[in-house]
Amino acid sequence: MSFKVCSRRFVVGLAFAGQVLGSLVLAPGARASELAPVVEDVYTATLGGEIKKLVGQGYEETSLHGDMITQSCGFAGCSYSMLIVHTFSTLGANTQSTSILAKVDVDPLGAVVAVRRTGLVPVIELELMPE
């Protein structure tokens, strides 16, 4: 019996300070949600030094997007956490890419309460189907 790959998903564990905080399933072609202006402003203000360092090294911003990874709703509204992915690339013949990854926590009133630089632990899952 042989198998073929019918779909591929990337399950990414979100880790901060050695603790796994959640996971996110990324499928090829998945679309990210737009960032609320307050989230983008606080993210940029918090990690501006790192952004400037990359720009100073010749990188240019290629994308900035986020995906909600947790949400909790109650009488006061909804609080949520987002994974922000800010991608930078160099130009020329030998291009390089890098990303800044951050977890942003927003309270039920829409205020950003925390921005944390984070890292990812990739795990690839393959769904196999008999031919």
Foldseek 3Di string as FASTA:
>chain_A
DDKDFPFKWKKKFWDDPRDGDFIDIDGVPDDFDADDPQQVVVQCVVCVVVVVVCVVVQKDWDDKGKHWGDWDADPLAIKTKIWIWTKIWHDDDDMDIDIWIWIWIADRVGHTDDIGTTDIDIDIDTDIDDD
